[in-house]
């Protein structure tokens, strides 16, 4: 199972501003010494030693995560935020191009569907796209953003074959099965769990964790316990989460507690606030790691979701 990240921001896209780029360049130049540019080797060593918030970027696209199951040519896509455009650009360079996409929608807030009209493979008549969600009216929701005056191209212009599925049970595919669970978010959001018989992956964006999510009941236990990897909403610090109670997003520290509660091995901080710059996001990751040590929460690997990140299970 290969997990790839194409969009990791929440709420709306947050591209790098020119002022932010200049600030990074300035900070890099302040660290530079004459010895660092003596040779190609010293230059590479200098660049490799820069903190990740300086040498690179978390990314500004809204949610899109894919899974490639072992021995399956299909691509599983979780949400179609603006990051799905980057996915389309990437697969266009693959030979052969994938011909089957299965898209699972956590919910239909705009940041989770806005990239679909720009997904190149959806205009290819050789491609089949299957859309899944526990929400009713999936087809009307997706068509609704591609009508005048919101968008000039209607969904019927997408030449791919399109199938719409209302999830009411486990979806079984070649190489794995996908189940779902309703989470706490305005208008309802659903988490998805992918089980390929060897590993269990959970996509849990847009959720405001509550005491009910920590209960050791049968439903929670079957879904969360001992998962190998969870991609989870960590949009806020604890102070911000208190101020924005009932907005439908979680604090990173609560997400760490949640992962520890269910003995989840690897947690990826996801759905980043669009107002956070790269440095703040990496500081949050460091704070989360410090929190696990302070609270003696053993056995949890923590990773910050970034565009281009790949995790092999």
C-alpha atoms as a PDB file:
ATOM      1  CA  UNK A   1       0.000   0.000   0.000  1.00  0.00           C
ATOM      2  CA  UNK A   2       1.482   3.322  -1.112  1.00  0.00           C
ATOM      3  CA  UNK A   3       0.013   6.554   0.336  1.00  0.00           C
ATOM      4  CA  UNK A   4       0.689   9.827  -1.497  1.00  0.00           C
ATOM      5  CA  UNK A   5      -0.177  13.401  -0.571  1.00  0.00           C
ATOM      6  CA  UNK A   6      -1.216  15.897  -3.265  1.00  0.00           C
ATOM      7  CA  UNK A   7      -2.992  18.540  -1.150  1.00  0.00           C
ATOM      8  CA  UNK A   8      -2.701  19.040   2.623  1.00  0.00           C
ATOM      9  CA  UNK A   9      -4.261  22.432   3.456  1.00  0.00           C
ATOM     10  CA  UNK A  10      -7.713  23.018   4.867  1.00  0.00           C
ATOM     11  CA  UNK A  11     -10.422  25.588   4.149  1.00  0.00           C
ATOM     12  CA  UNK A  12      -8.880  27.184   1.056  1.00  0.00           C
ATOM     13  CA  UNK A  13      -5.642  27.083  -0.969  1.00  0.00           C
ATOM     14  CA  UNK A  14      -2.697  28.940   0.520  1.00  0.00           C
ATOM     15  CA  UNK A  15       0.031  29.508  -2.102  1.00  0.00           C
ATOM     16  CA  UNK A  16       3.417  30.866  -1.082  1.00  0.00           C
ATOM     17  CA  UNK A  17       3.552  34.655  -1.192  1.00  0.00           C
ATOM     18  CA  UNK A  18       6.556  36.435  -2.719  1.00  0.00           C
ATOM     19  CA  UNK A  19       7.228  37.989   0.691  1.00  0.00           C
ATOM     20  CA  UNK A  20       7.422  34.509   2.217  1.00  0.00           C
ATOM     21  CA  UNK A  21       9.850  33.349  -0.462  1.00  0.00           C
ATOM     22  CA  UNK A  22      12.039  36.426   0.097  1.00  0.00           C
ATOM     23  CA  UNK A  23      11.980  35.786   3.834  1.00  0.00           C
ATOM     24  CA  UNK A  24      13.201  32.221   3.300  1.00  0.00           C
ATOM     25  CA  UNK A  25      15.984  33.356   0.974  1.00  0.00           C
ATOM     26  CA  UNK A  26      17.071  35.980   3.506  1.00  0.00           C
ATOM     27  CA  UNK A  27      17.125  33.413   6.325  1.00  0.00           C
ATOM     28  CA  UNK A  28      19.195  31.022   4.193  1.00  0.00           C
ATOM     29  CA  UNK A  29      21.729  33.732   3.291  1.00  0.00           C
ATOM     30  CA  UNK A  30      22.152  34.590   6.969  1.00  0.00           C
ATOM     31  CA  UNK A  31      23.253  30.992   7.614  1.00  0.00           C
ATOM     32  CA  UNK A  32      25.664  30.872   4.674  1.00  0.00           C
ATOM     33  CA  UNK A  33      29.440  31.015   5.205  1.00  0.00           C
ATOM     34  CA  UNK A  34      32.242  31.155   2.606  1.00  0.00           C
ATOM     35  CA  UNK A  35      33.129  27.548   3.413  1.00  0.00           C
ATOM     36  CA  UNK A  36      29.608  26.445   2.409  1.00  0.00           C
ATOM     37  CA  UNK A  37      30.174  27.430  -1.227  1.00  0.00           C
ATOM     38  CA  UNK A  38      33.717  26.188  -1.734  1.00  0.00           C
ATOM     39  CA  UNK A  39      32.655  23.174  -3.797  1.00  0.00           C
ATOM     40  CA  UNK A  40      29.576  21.314  -5.051  1.00  0.00           C
ATOM     41  CA  UNK A  41      29.939  18.944  -2.098  1.00  0.00           C
ATOM     42  CA  UNK A  42      29.928  21.729   0.516  1.00  0.00           C
ATOM     43  CA  UNK A  43      26.961  23.374  -1.178  1.00  0.00           C
ATOM     44  CA  UNK A  44      24.988  20.122  -1.083  1.00  0.00           C
ATOM     45  CA  UNK A  45      25.963  19.586   2.549  1.00  0.00           C
ATOM     46  CA  UNK A  46      24.795  23.093   3.411  1.00  0.00           C
ATOM     47  CA  UNK A  47      21.452  22.628   1.691  1.00  0.00           C
ATOM     48  CA  UNK A  48      20.934  19.230   3.310  1.00  0.00           C
ATOM     49  CA  UNK A  49      21.486  20.798   6.709  1.00  0.00           C
ATOM     50  CA  UNK A  50      18.794  23.451   6.320  1.00  0.00           C
ATOM     51  CA  UNK A  51      15.584  22.984   8.320  1.00  0.00           C
ATOM     52  CA  UNK A  52      12.689  21.693   6.190  1.00  0.00           C
ATOM     53  CA  UNK A  53      10.638  24.866   6.631  1.00  0.00           C
ATOM     54  CA  UNK A  54      13.385  26.748   4.775  1.00  0.00           C
ATOM     55  CA  UNK A  55      14.435  24.223   2.146  1.00  0.00           C
ATOM     56  CA  UNK A  56      11.074  23.350   0.607  1.00  0.00           C
ATOM     57  CA  UNK A  57       7.433  23.993   1.424  1.00  0.00           C
ATOM     58  CA  UNK A  58       4.535  22.186   3.042  1.00  0.00           C
ATOM     59  CA  UNK A  59       2.347  23.120   0.072  1.00  0.00           C
ATOM     60  CA  UNK A  60      -0.744  25.208  -0.453  1.00  0.00           C
ATOM     61  CA  UNK A  61      -3.273  22.879  -2.115  1.00  0.00           C
ATOM     62  CA  UNK A  62      -6.441  21.639  -0.434  1.00  0.00           C
ATOM     63  CA  UNK A  63      -7.017  17.978   0.447  1.00  0.00           C
ATOM     64  CA  UNK A  64      -6.239  15.127  -1.883  1.00  0.00           C
ATOM     65  CA  UNK A  65      -4.616  11.848  -0.815  1.00  0.00           C
ATOM     66  CA  UNK A  66      -4.196   8.719  -2.931  1.00  0.00           C
ATOM     67  CA  UNK A  67      -3.578   5.053  -2.252  1.00  0.00           C
ATOM     68  CA  UNK A  68      -2.178   2.491  -4.647  1.00  0.00           C
ATOM     69  CA  UNK A  69      -2.909  -1.020  -3.450  1.00  0.00           C
ATOM     70  CA  UNK A  70      -0.395  -3.758  -4.177  1.00  0.00           C
ATOM     71  CA  UNK A  71      -1.080  -5.598  -7.437  1.00  0.00           C
ATOM     72  CA  UNK A  72      -3.957  -3.280  -8.372  1.00  0.00           C
ATOM     73  CA  UNK A  73      -3.840  -0.758 -11.249  1.00  0.00           C
ATOM     74  CA  UNK A  74      -6.662   1.308  -9.760  1.00  0.00           C
ATOM     75  CA  UNK A  75      -6.016   4.586  -7.955  1.00  0.00           C
ATOM     76  CA  UNK A  76      -7.959   5.271  -4.759  1.00  0.00           C
ATOM     77  CA  UNK A  77      -8.451   9.027  -4.277  1.00  0.00           C
ATOM     78  CA  UNK A  78      -9.595  10.579  -1.018  1.00  0.00           C
ATOM     79  CA  UNK A  79     -11.181  13.988  -1.608  1.00  0.00           C
ATOM     80  CA  UNK A  80     -10.785  16.219  -4.639  1.00  0.00           C
ATOM     81  CA  UNK A  81      -9.413  19.482  -3.319  1.00  0.00           C
ATOM     82  CA  UNK A  82      -7.111  21.562  -5.485  1.00  0.00           C
ATOM     83  CA  UNK A  83      -4.385  18.963  -4.954  1.00  0.00           C
ATOM     84  CA  UNK A  84      -6.135  16.597  -7.366  1.00  0.00           C
ATOM     85  CA  UNK A  85      -4.915  18.793 -10.222  1.00  0.00           C
ATOM     86  CA  UNK A  86      -1.336  17.912  -9.234  1.00  0.00           C
ATOM     87  CA  UNK A  87      -2.326  14.249  -9.222  1.00  0.00           C
ATOM     88  CA  UNK A  88      -3.674  14.606 -12.760  1.00  0.00           C
ATOM     89  CA  UNK A  89      -0.449  16.261 -13.921  1.00  0.00           C
ATOM     90  CA  UNK A  90       1.626  13.477 -12.366  1.00  0.00           C
ATOM     91  CA  UNK A  91      -0.313  10.538 -13.815  1.00  0.00           C
ATOM     92  CA  UNK A  92      -0.222  12.120 -17.288  1.00  0.00           C
ATOM     93  CA  UNK A  93       3.519  11.385 -17.267  1.00  0.00           C
ATOM     94  CA  UNK A  94       3.047   7.718 -16.330  1.00  0.00           C
ATOM     95  CA  UNK A  95       3.153   4.940 -18.905  1.00  0.00           C
ATOM     96  CA  UNK A  96       0.674   3.398 -19.107  1.00  0.00           C
ATOM     97  CA  UNK A  97      -1.735   5.965 -17.682  1.00  0.00           C
ATOM     98  CA  UNK A  98      -4.157   4.663 -15.029  1.00  0.00           C
ATOM     99  CA  UNK A  99      -7.611   4.056 -16.477  1.00  0.00           C
ATOM    100  CA  UNK A 100      -9.592   3.527 -13.256  1.00  0.00           C
ATOM    101  CA  UNK A 101     -10.013   6.029 -10.413  1.00  0.00           C
ATOM    102  CA  UNK A 102     -12.152   5.491  -7.342  1.00  0.00           C
ATOM    103  CA  UNK A 103     -12.845   8.769  -5.528  1.00  0.00           C
ATOM    104  CA  UNK A 104     -14.036   8.738  -1.913  1.00  0.00           C
ATOM    105  CA  UNK A 105     -15.493  11.997  -0.567  1.00  0.00           C
ATOM    106  CA  UNK A 106     -15.404  12.713   3.167  1.00  0.00           C
ATOM    107  CA  UNK A 107     -17.929  15.540   2.631  1.00  0.00           C
ATOM    108  CA  UNK A 108     -18.717  18.251   0.122  1.00  0.00           C
ATOM    109  CA  UNK A 109     -17.374  21.457   1.582  1.00  0.00           C
ATOM    110  CA  UNK A 110     -15.755  23.374  -1.219  1.00  0.00           C
ATOM    111  CA  UNK A 111     -12.139  22.753  -0.245  1.00  0.00           C
ATOM    112  CA  UNK A 112     -12.739  19.020  -0.762  1.00  0.00           C
ATOM    113  CA  UNK A 113     -14.304  19.192  -4.232  1.00  0.00           C
ATOM    114  CA  UNK A 114     -12.953  22.355  -5.883  1.00  0.00           C
ATOM    115  CA  UNK A 115     -10.166  20.598  -7.776  1.00  0.00           C
ATOM    116  CA  UNK A 116     -12.365  18.082  -9.580  1.00  0.00           C
ATOM    117  CA  UNK A 117     -13.090  20.323 -12.623  1.00  0.00           C
ATOM    118  CA  UNK A 118      -9.304  20.580 -13.161  1.00  0.00           C
ATOM    119  CA  UNK A 119      -8.548  16.846 -12.953  1.00  0.00           C
ATOM    120  CA  UNK A 120      -7.159  16.063 -16.397  1.00  0.00           C
ATOM    121  CA  UNK A 121      -7.977  12.317 -16.519  1.00  0.00           C
ATOM    122  CA  UNK A 122     -11.683  13.062 -16.027  1.00  0.00           C
ATOM    123  CA  UNK A 123     -11.781  14.418 -19.612  1.00  0.00           C
ATOM    124  CA  UNK A 124     -10.307  11.219 -21.107  1.00  0.00           C
ATOM    125  CA  UNK A 125     -12.941   8.861 -22.611  1.00  0.00           C
ATOM    126  CA  UNK A 126     -10.666   5.896 -21.845  1.00  0.00           C
ATOM    127  CA  UNK A 127     -10.924   6.602 -18.097  1.00  0.00           C
ATOM    128  CA  UNK A 128     -13.565   5.325 -15.677  1.00  0.00           C
ATOM    129  CA  UNK A 129     -14.256   7.321 -12.516  1.00  0.00           C
ATOM    130  CA  UNK A 130     -16.266   5.834  -9.658  1.00  0.00           C
ATOM    131  CA  UNK A 131     -17.440   8.274  -6.967  1.00  0.00           C
ATOM    132  CA  UNK A 132     -18.234   7.041  -3.440  1.00  0.00           C
ATOM    133  CA  UNK A 133     -19.631   8.676  -0.303  1.00  0.00           C
ATOM    134  CA  UNK A 134     -22.139   7.922   2.471  1.00  0.00           C
ATOM    135  CA  UNK A 135     -23.724  11.323   1.693  1.00  0.00           C
ATOM    136  CA  UNK A 136     -26.835  11.233  -0.443  1.00  0.00           C
ATOM    137  CA  UNK A 137     -27.108  13.345  -3.615  1.00  0.00           C
ATOM    138  CA  UNK A 138     -23.438  12.907  -4.505  1.00  0.00           C
ATOM    139  CA  UNK A 139     -24.077  13.436  -8.202  1.00  0.00           C
ATOM    140  CA  UNK A 140     -26.051  16.662  -7.754  1.00  0.00           C
ATOM    141  CA  UNK A 141     -23.439  18.000  -5.320  1.00  0.00           C
ATOM    142  CA  UNK A 142     -20.590  17.490  -7.778  1.00  0.00           C
ATOM    143  CA  UNK A 143     -22.543  18.729 -10.771  1.00  0.00           C
ATOM    144  CA  UNK A 144     -23.676  21.765  -8.802  1.00  0.00           C
ATOM    145  CA  UNK A 145     -20.240  23.407  -8.755  1.00  0.00           C
ATOM    146  CA  UNK A 146     -19.884  23.010 -12.533  1.00  0.00           C
ATOM    147  CA  UNK A 147     -22.812  25.136 -13.690  1.00  0.00           C
ATOM    148  CA  UNK A 148     -23.264  28.769 -14.671  1.00  0.00           C
ATOM    149  CA  UNK A 149     -22.380  31.175 -13.086  1.00  0.00           C
ATOM    150  CA  UNK A 150     -19.886  29.232 -10.949  1.00  0.00           C
ATOM    151  CA  UNK A 151     -17.975  27.428 -13.700  1.00  0.00           C
ATOM    152  CA  UNK A 152     -17.997  27.573 -17.516  1.00  0.00           C
ATOM    153  CA  UNK A 153     -17.576  23.823 -18.147  1.00  0.00           C
ATOM    154  CA  UNK A 154     -20.377  21.421 -17.247  1.00  0.00           C
ATOM    155  CA  UNK A 155     -19.694  17.963 -15.861  1.00  0.00           C
ATOM    156  CA  UNK A 156     -21.124  16.427 -19.019  1.00  0.00           C
ATOM    157  CA  UNK A 157     -18.065  17.811 -20.816  1.00  0.00           C
ATOM    158  CA  UNK A 158     -15.942  15.372 -18.865  1.00  0.00           C
ATOM    159  CA  UNK A 159     -15.632  12.533 -21.367  1.00  0.00           C
ATOM    160  CA  UNK A 160     -14.728   9.863 -18.802  1.00  0.00           C
ATOM    161  CA  UNK A 161     -17.249   7.250 -17.781  1.00  0.00           C
ATOM    162  CA  UNK A 162     -18.690   8.268 -14.419  1.00  0.00           C
ATOM    163  CA  UNK A 163     -20.436   6.091 -11.841  1.00  0.00           C
ATOM    164  CA  UNK A 164     -21.940   7.394  -8.590  1.00  0.00           C
ATOM    165  CA  UNK A 165     -22.183   5.141  -5.530  1.00  0.00           C
ATOM    166  CA  UNK A 166     -23.954   5.728  -2.223  1.00  0.00           C
ATOM    167  CA  UNK A 167     -21.934   3.860   0.400  1.00  0.00           C
ATOM    168  CA  UNK A 168     -24.064   1.903   2.846  1.00  0.00           C
ATOM    169  CA  UNK A 169     -21.619  -0.900   3.558  1.00  0.00           C
ATOM    170  CA  UNK A 170     -18.004  -1.928   3.066  1.00  0.00           C
ATOM    171  CA  UNK A 171     -16.701  -1.432  -0.485  1.00  0.00           C
ATOM    172  CA  UNK A 172     -14.665  -4.453  -1.551  1.00  0.00           C
ATOM    173  CA  UNK A 173     -12.098  -3.948  -4.305  1.00  0.00           C
ATOM    174  CA  UNK A 174      -9.271  -5.964  -5.770  1.00  0.00           C
ATOM    175  CA  UNK A 175      -6.585  -5.912  -3.115  1.00  0.00           C
ATOM    176  CA  UNK A 176      -8.543  -4.315  -0.275  1.00  0.00           C
ATOM    177  CA  UNK A 177     -11.739  -3.128   1.393  1.00  0.00           C
ATOM    178  CA  UNK A 178     -12.877   0.382   2.371  1.00  0.00           C
ATOM    179  CA  UNK A 179     -15.203   1.072   5.292  1.00  0.00           C
ATOM    180  CA  UNK A 180     -16.394   4.384   6.744  1.00  0.00           C
ATOM    181  CA  UNK A 181     -17.381   6.069   9.991  1.00  0.00           C
ATOM    182  CA  UNK A 182     -19.262   9.307  10.621  1.00  0.00           C
ATOM    183  CA  UNK A 183     -17.264  11.963  12.479  1.00  0.00           C
ATOM    184  CA  UNK A 184     -18.049  15.211  14.264  1.00  0.00           C
ATOM    185  CA  UNK A 185     -18.108  18.032  11.701  1.00  0.00           C
ATOM    186  CA  UNK A 186     -20.753  20.571  10.610  1.00  0.00           C
ATOM    187  CA  UNK A 187     -22.796  18.933   7.858  1.00  0.00           C
ATOM    188  CA  UNK A 188     -21.171  15.571   8.693  1.00  0.00           C
ATOM    189  CA  UNK A 189     -17.812  14.268   7.535  1.00  0.00           C
ATOM    190  CA  UNK A 190     -16.826  10.625   7.136  1.00  0.00           C
ATOM    191  CA  UNK A 191     -13.554   8.904   7.845  1.00  0.00           C
ATOM    192  CA  UNK A 192     -12.432   6.015   5.641  1.00  0.00           C
ATOM    193  CA  UNK A 193     -10.458   2.929   6.601  1.00  0.00           C
ATOM    194  CA  UNK A 194      -8.586   0.915   3.971  1.00  0.00           C
ATOM    195  CA  UNK A 195      -7.679  -2.665   4.851  1.00  0.00           C
ATOM    196  CA  UNK A 196      -5.548  -4.625   2.400  1.00  0.00           C
ATOM    197  CA  UNK A 197      -5.239  -7.679   4.661  1.00  0.00           C
ATOM    198  CA  UNK A 198      -1.768  -6.660   5.788  1.00  0.00           C
ATOM    199  CA  UNK A 199      -2.134  -3.017   6.841  1.00  0.00           C
ATOM    200  CA  UNK A 200      -4.872  -0.622   7.902  1.00  0.00           C
ATOM    201  CA  UNK A 201      -4.920   3.017   6.788  1.00  0.00           C
ATOM    202  CA  UNK A 202      -7.356   5.662   8.093  1.00  0.00           C
ATOM    203  CA  UNK A 203      -8.184   8.975   6.419  1.00  0.00           C
ATOM    204  CA  UNK A 204      -9.818  11.173   9.075  1.00  0.00           C
ATOM    205  CA  UNK A 205      -9.947  14.742   7.822  1.00  0.00           C
ATOM    206  CA  UNK A 206     -12.345  17.430   9.085  1.00  0.00           C
ATOM    207  CA  UNK A 207     -13.217  16.075  12.484  1.00  0.00           C
ATOM    208  CA  UNK A 208     -13.539  17.724  15.864  1.00  0.00           C
ATOM    209  CA  UNK A 209     -12.563  14.932  18.221  1.00  0.00           C
ATOM    210  CA  UNK A 210     -14.804  14.479  21.243  1.00  0.00           C
ATOM    211  CA  UNK A 211     -15.054  12.134  24.205  1.00  0.00           C
ATOM    212  CA  UNK A 212     -17.206   9.794  22.110  1.00  0.00           C
ATOM    213  CA  UNK A 213     -14.259   9.115  19.785  1.00  0.00           C
ATOM    214  CA  UNK A 214     -12.192   7.802  22.706  1.00  0.00           C
ATOM    215  CA  UNK A 215     -14.829   5.348  23.976  1.00  0.00           C
ATOM    216  CA  UNK A 216     -13.704   1.715  23.843  1.00  0.00           C
ATOM    217  CA  UNK A 217     -16.928   0.482  22.288  1.00  0.00           C
ATOM    218  CA  UNK A 218     -17.176  -2.125  19.529  1.00  0.00           C
ATOM    219  CA  UNK A 219     -17.642   0.361  16.683  1.00  0.00           C
ATOM    220  CA  UNK A 220     -14.657   2.518  17.588  1.00  0.00           C
ATOM    221  CA  UNK A 221     -12.477  -0.484  18.355  1.00  0.00           C
ATOM    222  CA  UNK A 222     -13.128  -2.159  15.004  1.00  0.00           C
ATOM    223  CA  UNK A 223     -12.370   1.037  13.118  1.00  0.00           C
ATOM    224  CA  UNK A 224      -9.464   2.648  14.958  1.00  0.00           C
ATOM    225  CA  UNK A 225      -7.616   0.176  17.176  1.00  0.00           C
ATOM    226  CA  UNK A 226      -4.081  -0.764  16.127  1.00  0.00           C
ATOM    227  CA  UNK A 227      -4.261   1.003  12.757  1.00  0.00           C
ATOM    228  CA  UNK A 228      -0.911   1.290  11.013  1.00  0.00           C
ATOM    229  CA  UNK A 229      -1.383   4.862   9.762  1.00  0.00           C
ATOM    230  CA  UNK A 230      -3.892   7.647  10.353  1.00  0.00           C
ATOM    231  CA  UNK A 231      -4.086  10.909   8.420  1.00  0.00           C
ATOM    232  CA  UNK A 232      -5.967  13.167  10.805  1.00  0.00           C
ATOM    233  CA  UNK A 233      -7.234  16.726  11.110  1.00  0.00           C
ATOM    234  CA  UNK A 234      -4.772  18.751  13.225  1.00  0.00           C
ATOM    235  CA  UNK A 235      -5.773  22.218  12.069  1.00  0.00           C
ATOM    236  CA  UNK A 236      -5.485  24.035  15.406  1.00  0.00           C
ATOM    237  CA  UNK A 237      -3.363  24.523  18.443  1.00  0.00           C
ATOM    238  CA  UNK A 238      -5.199  23.742  21.684  1.00  0.00           C
ATOM    239  CA  UNK A 239      -5.890  27.428  22.378  1.00  0.00           C
ATOM    240  CA  UNK A 240      -7.345  27.945  18.920  1.00  0.00           C
ATOM    241  CA  UNK A 241      -9.457  24.812  19.211  1.00  0.00           C
ATOM    242  CA  UNK A 242     -11.003  26.170  22.414  1.00  0.00           C
ATOM    243  CA  UNK A 243     -11.738  29.510  20.748  1.00  0.00           C
ATOM    244  CA  UNK A 244     -13.212  27.754  17.692  1.00  0.00           C
ATOM    245  CA  UNK A 245     -15.277  25.166  19.514  1.00  0.00           C
ATOM    246  CA  UNK A 246     -17.806  23.447  17.240  1.00  0.00           C
ATOM    247  CA  UNK A 247     -16.058  24.576  14.032  1.00  0.00           C
ATOM    248  CA  UNK A 248     -15.334  20.932  13.228  1.00  0.00           C
ATOM    249  CA  UNK A 249     -11.536  20.717  13.520  1.00  0.00           C
ATOM    250  CA  UNK A 250      -9.095  19.343  16.099  1.00  0.00           C
ATOM    251  CA  UNK A 251      -6.030  20.424  18.029  1.00  0.00           C
ATOM    252  CA  UNK A 252      -2.808  18.548  17.349  1.00  0.00           C
ATOM    253  CA  UNK A 253      -2.407  17.556  21.006  1.00  0.00           C
ATOM    254  CA  UNK A 254      -5.885  16.004  21.101  1.00  0.00           C
ATOM    255  CA  UNK A 255      -5.099  14.081  17.925  1.00  0.00           C
ATOM    256  CA  UNK A 256      -1.943  12.717  19.582  1.00  0.00           C
ATOM    257  CA  UNK A 257      -4.025  11.631  22.590  1.00  0.00           C
ATOM    258  CA  UNK A 258      -6.459   9.977  20.197  1.00  0.00           C
ATOM    259  CA  UNK A 259      -3.716   8.055  18.377  1.00  0.00           C
ATOM    260  CA  UNK A 260      -2.274   6.911  21.704  1.00  0.00           C
ATOM    261  CA  UNK A 261      -5.716   5.877  22.948  1.00  0.00           C
ATOM    262  CA  UNK A 262      -6.143   3.549  19.961  1.00  0.00           C
ATOM    263  CA  UNK A 263      -2.509   2.408  19.745  1.00  0.00           C
ATOM    264  CA  UNK A 264      -2.148   3.772  16.224  1.00  0.00           C
ATOM    265  CA  UNK A 265       1.422   3.351  15.059  1.00  0.00           C
ATOM    266  CA  UNK A 266       1.899   6.356  12.764  1.00  0.00           C
ATOM    267  CA  UNK A 267       0.009   9.663  12.767  1.00  0.00           C
ATOM    268  CA  UNK A 268       0.189  12.265   9.995  1.00  0.00           C
ATOM    269  CA  UNK A 269      -0.814  15.835  10.901  1.00  0.00           C
ATOM    270  CA  UNK A 270      -3.180  17.003   8.152  1.00  0.00           C
ATOM    271  CA  UNK A 271      -5.622  19.723   6.994  1.00  0.00           C
ATOM    272  CA  UNK A 272      -3.301  22.594   7.882  1.00  0.00           C
ATOM    273  CA  UNK A 273      -4.708  26.023   8.632  1.00  0.00           C
ATOM    274  CA  UNK A 274      -4.291  28.301   5.570  1.00  0.00           C
ATOM    275  CA  UNK A 275      -2.941  31.110   7.780  1.00  0.00           C
ATOM    276  CA  UNK A 276       0.007  29.017   9.051  1.00  0.00           C
ATOM    277  CA  UNK A 277       3.338  29.428   7.306  1.00  0.00           C
ATOM    278  CA  UNK A 278       5.811  26.583   6.902  1.00  0.00           C
ATOM    279  CA  UNK A 279       7.810  27.507   9.979  1.00  0.00           C
ATOM    280  CA  UNK A 280       4.744  27.447  12.233  1.00  0.00           C
ATOM    281  CA  UNK A 281       3.650  24.085  10.860  1.00  0.00           C
ATOM    282  CA  UNK A 282       7.026  22.504  11.558  1.00  0.00           C
ATOM    283  CA  UNK A 283       6.974  24.080  15.018  1.00  0.00           C
ATOM    284  CA  UNK A 284       3.609  22.382  15.582  1.00  0.00           C
ATOM    285  CA  UNK A 285       5.144  19.070  14.533  1.00  0.00           C
ATOM    286  CA  UNK A 286       7.965  19.624  17.004  1.00  0.00           C
ATOM    287  CA  UNK A 287       5.461  20.536  19.718  1.00  0.00           C
ATOM    288  CA  UNK A 288       3.504  17.364  19.001  1.00  0.00           C
ATOM    289  CA  UNK A 289       6.678  15.290  19.343  1.00  0.00           C
ATOM    290  CA  UNK A 290       7.544  17.093  22.566  1.00  0.00           C
ATOM    291  CA  UNK A 291       4.030  16.409  23.827  1.00  0.00           C
ATOM    292  CA  UNK A 292       4.382  12.661  23.221  1.00  0.00           C
ATOM    293  CA  UNK A 293       7.601  12.663  25.241  1.00  0.00           C
ATOM    294  CA  UNK A 294       6.166  14.831  28.023  1.00  0.00           C
ATOM    295  CA  UNK A 295       3.082  12.625  28.339  1.00  0.00           C
ATOM    296  CA  UNK A 296       5.149   9.431  27.951  1.00  0.00           C
ATOM    297  CA  UNK A 297       3.129   8.316  24.926  1.00  0.00           C
ATOM    298  CA  UNK A 298       5.325   5.594  23.479  1.00  0.00           C
ATOM    299  CA  UNK A 299       5.308   4.024  20.055  1.00  0.00           C
ATOM    300  CA  UNK A 300       3.703   6.788  17.949  1.00  0.00           C
ATOM    301  CA  UNK A 301       5.544   8.048  14.888  1.00  0.00           C
ATOM    302  CA  UNK A 302       4.553  11.607  13.938  1.00  0.00           C
ATOM    303  CA  UNK A 303       4.843  13.113  10.452  1.00  0.00           C
ATOM    304  CA  UNK A 304       3.749  16.439   8.997  1.00  0.00           C
ATOM    305  CA  UNK A 305       1.655  16.106   5.842  1.00  0.00           C
ATOM    306  CA  UNK A 306       3.433  17.831   2.946  1.00  0.00           C
ATOM    307  CA  UNK A 307       2.732  17.831  -0.761  1.00  0.00           C
ATOM    308  CA  UNK A 308       4.757  15.118  -2.411  1.00  0.00           C
ATOM    309  CA  UNK A 309       5.068  13.016   0.759  1.00  0.00           C
ATOM    310  CA  UNK A 310       4.928   9.251   0.133  1.00  0.00           C
ATOM    311  CA  UNK A 311       4.491   6.586   2.814  1.00  0.00           C
ATOM    312  CA  UNK A 312       4.823   2.894   2.020  1.00  0.00           C
ATOM    313  CA  UNK A 313       2.976   0.391   4.205  1.00  0.00           C
END
